[in-house]
Protein backbone atom coordinates (compact mmCIF):
# COMPACT_ATOMS: atom_id res chain seq x y z
CA MET A 1 63.50 -113.37 -61.81
CA ALA A 2 61.19 -116.55 -62.93
CA ASN A 3 62.12 -119.90 -61.73
CA GLU A 4 63.07 -121.44 -65.51
CA LYS A 5 61.28 -124.82 -63.59
CA TYR A 6 57.69 -123.09 -64.16
CA VAL A 7 58.96 -120.99 -67.36
CA LYS A 8 59.28 -124.76 -69.21
CA MET A 9 56.10 -125.14 -67.80
CA VAL A 10 54.39 -122.75 -69.36
CA ALA A 11 55.98 -123.52 -72.91
CA GLU A 12 54.92 -126.73 -72.66
CA LYS A 13 50.74 -125.12 -72.22
CA ASN A 14 51.49 -127.90 -68.75
CA PHE A 15 48.20 -125.51 -67.35
CA LYS A 16 46.69 -127.71 -65.01
CA LYS A 17 49.35 -128.19 -62.84
CA LEU A 18 50.87 -124.90 -63.02
CA GLY A 19 46.95 -124.53 -62.18
CA LYS A 20 47.44 -126.53 -58.95
CA LEU A 21 50.61 -124.98 -57.34
CA SER A 22 49.55 -121.67 -58.04
CA GLU A 23 46.92 -122.98 -54.95
CA LYS A 24 49.12 -124.92 -52.32
CA LYS A 25 49.68 -123.27 -49.50
CA ASN A 26 53.38 -122.46 -50.11
CA VAL A 27 53.32 -118.51 -50.72
CA GLN A 28 56.75 -119.11 -53.14
CA GLU A 29 55.51 -121.60 -54.79
CA ALA A 30 52.10 -119.24 -56.21
CA ILE A 31 54.99 -116.31 -56.34
CA ASP A 32 56.86 -118.35 -58.88
CA VAL A 33 54.15 -119.51 -60.70
CA ALA A 34 53.07 -116.25 -60.68
CA GLU A 35 56.28 -114.66 -62.27
CA ALA A 36 56.69 -117.60 -64.83
CA CYS A 37 52.78 -117.09 -66.08
CA GLY A 38 53.63 -113.27 -66.59
CA THR A 39 56.16 -114.95 -69.46
CA GLY A 40 52.85 -116.69 -71.69
CA ARG A 41 50.96 -115.29 -73.96
CA SER A 42 47.87 -117.59 -72.47
CA GLU A 43 44.44 -117.11 -71.75
CA GLU A 44 45.52 -119.75 -69.79
CA CYS A 45 48.51 -117.87 -67.67
CA ARG A 46 45.45 -115.46 -67.09
CA ASN A 47 43.76 -117.21 -65.67
CA ILE A 48 46.12 -118.37 -63.43
CA LEU A 49 46.91 -115.04 -62.47
CA THR A 50 43.77 -114.10 -61.29
CA ASP A 51 43.88 -116.77 -59.65
CA ILE A 52 46.79 -116.04 -57.58
CA LEU A 53 45.39 -112.29 -57.32
CA ALA A 54 42.67 -112.77 -55.44
CA ARG A 55 44.66 -115.44 -52.59
CA PRO A 56 44.79 -113.58 -49.13
CA GLU A 57 48.61 -113.20 -49.68
CA ARG A 58 50.04 -109.61 -49.82
CA GLU A 59 53.94 -111.24 -51.65
CA ALA A 60 51.38 -113.55 -53.09
CA LYS A 61 49.27 -110.36 -55.38
CA LEU A 62 52.72 -108.49 -55.61
CA ALA A 63 53.26 -111.34 -58.15
CA ALA A 64 50.44 -111.54 -60.32
CA ALA A 65 49.68 -107.94 -60.55
CA LYS A 66 53.79 -107.60 -61.69
CA ALA A 67 53.63 -110.32 -63.70
CA MET A 68 49.98 -109.69 -64.86
CA GLY A 69 51.55 -105.86 -66.65
CA LEU A 70 54.59 -108.01 -68.66
CA LEU A 71 51.48 -110.54 -69.99
CA HIS A 72 50.11 -109.84 -73.43
CA TYR A 73 47.44 -111.87 -74.40
CA ASP A 74 44.38 -109.12 -73.11
CA PRO A 75 44.98 -106.31 -72.50
CA ASP A 76 41.23 -104.74 -71.75
CA SER A 77 40.56 -107.95 -69.13
CA GLN A 78 43.58 -107.59 -67.53
CA ILE A 79 43.23 -103.81 -67.04
CA GLU A 80 39.92 -104.77 -66.59
CA ARG A 81 41.04 -106.85 -63.62
CA LEU A 82 44.20 -105.13 -62.21
CA ARG A 83 41.65 -102.67 -61.28
CA HIS A 84 39.32 -104.50 -58.98
CA VAL A 85 42.39 -105.70 -56.80
CA MET A 86 42.22 -103.99 -53.29
CA THR A 87 44.95 -101.77 -52.61
CA ASP A 88 43.69 -100.28 -49.46
CA ASN A 89 46.20 -99.28 -46.86
CA ASP A 90 48.77 -100.75 -49.51
CA PRO A 91 50.68 -97.91 -51.01
CA GLU A 92 53.42 -100.54 -52.74
CA LEU A 93 50.79 -103.18 -54.34
CA ALA A 94 48.36 -99.98 -55.37
CA GLN A 95 51.86 -98.71 -57.35
CA VAL A 96 52.21 -102.40 -59.06
CA VAL A 97 48.63 -102.13 -60.26
CA LYS A 98 49.78 -99.01 -61.81
CA ASP A 99 52.18 -99.46 -62.77
CA SER A 100 51.51 -102.98 -64.17
CA ILE A 101 47.84 -101.41 -65.64
CA GLU A 102 50.26 -98.91 -67.49
CA ALA A 103 52.31 -100.80 -69.52
CA LEU A 104 49.64 -102.58 -70.69
CA ARG A 105 48.06 -99.78 -72.32
CA SER A 106 51.39 -99.14 -73.60
CA TYR A 107 51.64 -102.21 -75.00
CA THR A 108 48.35 -101.37 -76.27
CA ARG A 109 49.39 -97.55 -77.81
CA GLU A 110 52.53 -99.38 -79.57
CA ASN A 111 50.20 -102.28 -81.06
CA LYS A 112 47.45 -99.86 -82.92
CA LYS A 113 49.98 -98.37 -84.82
CA GLY A 114 50.46 -99.37 -88.61
């Protein structure tokens, strides 16, 4: 469940501060920011998640990959970014990336109907 403080920051479009928080050494803060960005619908959220995906910490990557699957801003670019996540020797991360890509594809299919 996303931290309400960070979800509020996403709703208020306080992306500069969220970006700075996601870059801190505190991995839990990056995880909280990732989860909050998954509730957004903006390029800024996607960019923050992309930066978190580049962090070395496994937990941060997992949170960002999950959130990327929830963020419905630009599914094609999100899928492309997820395809580049290194999942070598990490079956859980590989599964999260696969699930997020499928969620984005489903979202795209559903929104092309009608």
